[in-house]
Protein backbone atom coordinates (compact mmCIF):
# COMPACT_ATOMS: atom_id res chain seq x y z
CA MET A 1 5.00 16.87 7.55
CA PHE A 2 2.83 16.26 4.58
CA PHE A 3 0.27 18.69 3.25
CA PHE A 4 -2.53 17.38 1.21
CA PRO A 5 -5.06 19.08 -1.00
CA LYS A 6 -8.48 19.12 0.58
CA LYS A 7 -9.97 16.08 -1.28
CA GLN A 8 -6.76 14.13 -0.69
CA SER A 9 -6.91 15.11 3.01
CA ASP A 10 -10.39 13.82 3.35
CA TYR A 11 -9.46 10.67 1.74
CA ALA A 12 -6.36 10.24 3.82
CA VAL A 13 -8.42 10.81 7.01
CA SER A 14 -11.01 8.15 5.89
CA CYS A 15 -8.16 5.57 5.18
CA VAL A 16 -6.58 6.25 8.61
CA SER A 17 -9.93 5.85 10.20
CA GLU A 18 -10.66 2.55 8.38
CA PHE A 19 -7.20 1.25 9.08
CA ALA A 20 -7.69 1.96 12.86
CA ALA A 21 -10.97 0.24 12.84
CA ARG A 22 -9.63 -2.89 11.17
CA HIS A 23 -6.66 -3.13 13.41
CA GLY A 24 -8.02 -2.17 16.77
CA MET A 25 -6.22 0.93 16.98
CA THR A 26 -7.18 4.56 17.93
CA GLN A 27 -6.99 6.88 14.95
CA LYS A 28 -3.99 8.54 16.60
CA GLU A 29 -2.20 5.27 16.93
CA ALA A 30 -2.99 4.34 13.33
CA PHE A 31 -1.76 7.72 11.92
CA ARG A 32 1.48 7.36 13.90
CA PHE A 33 1.96 3.85 12.61
CA LEU A 34 1.08 4.73 9.03
CA TYR A 35 3.20 7.84 9.07
CA LYS A 36 6.24 6.16 10.57
CA TYR A 37 6.26 3.28 8.14
CA GLY A 38 5.53 5.23 4.94
CA ALA A 39 1.91 4.55 4.22
CA ILE A 40 0.84 8.15 4.58
CA ALA A 41 3.49 9.21 1.95
CA PHE A 42 2.35 6.34 -0.27
CA LEU A 43 -1.29 7.66 -0.11
CA LYS A 44 -0.10 11.03 -1.11
CA GLU A 45 2.21 9.89 -3.86
CA ASP A 46 -0.34 7.31 -5.26
CA TYR A 47 -3.54 9.09 -4.70
CA GLU A 48 -4.74 9.11 -8.22
CA ILE A 49 -4.61 5.30 -8.26
CA GLU A 50 -5.55 4.29 -4.73
CA HIS A 51 -8.63 6.35 -4.51
CA THR A 52 -10.20 4.42 -7.40
CA LEU A 53 -9.71 0.99 -5.42
CA SER A 54 -11.79 -0.56 -2.83
CA TYR A 55 -10.98 0.10 0.80
CA ASP A 56 -10.07 -3.56 1.16
CA ASP A 57 -7.41 -3.11 -1.54
CA VAL A 58 -6.18 0.18 -0.01
CA MET A 59 -6.04 -1.27 3.46
CA ASP A 60 -3.98 -4.17 1.99
CA ASP A 61 -1.66 -1.76 0.06
CA MET A 62 -1.02 0.33 3.18
CA LEU A 63 -0.16 -2.61 5.41
CA ALA A 64 2.12 -4.08 2.76
CA ILE A 65 4.00 -0.74 2.58
CA CYS A 66 4.28 -0.61 6.35
CA GLN A 67 5.45 -4.25 6.55
CA ARG A 68 8.01 -3.55 3.70
CA ASN A 69 9.35 -0.75 5.89
CA GLY A 70 9.61 -2.69 9.12
CA GLY A 71 6.10 -2.15 10.54
CA ILE A 72 4.64 -5.15 12.41
CA LEU A 73 1.11 -5.28 13.84
């Protein structure tokens, strides 16, 4: 399990929520998908860069990471 500092945690929650909304998923489904296919780890590792980008770019990055790791929507 990943533990985030508070500001990173808030950011990760907002990214999961946005991803869920864009892909017609519940937040729980989105989190499980993103966790399973590496996007949650990606957000933690690359927070300093990703939080400066638009949500559109972050959603694209997260989807690309998942697809690279076998995740298909």
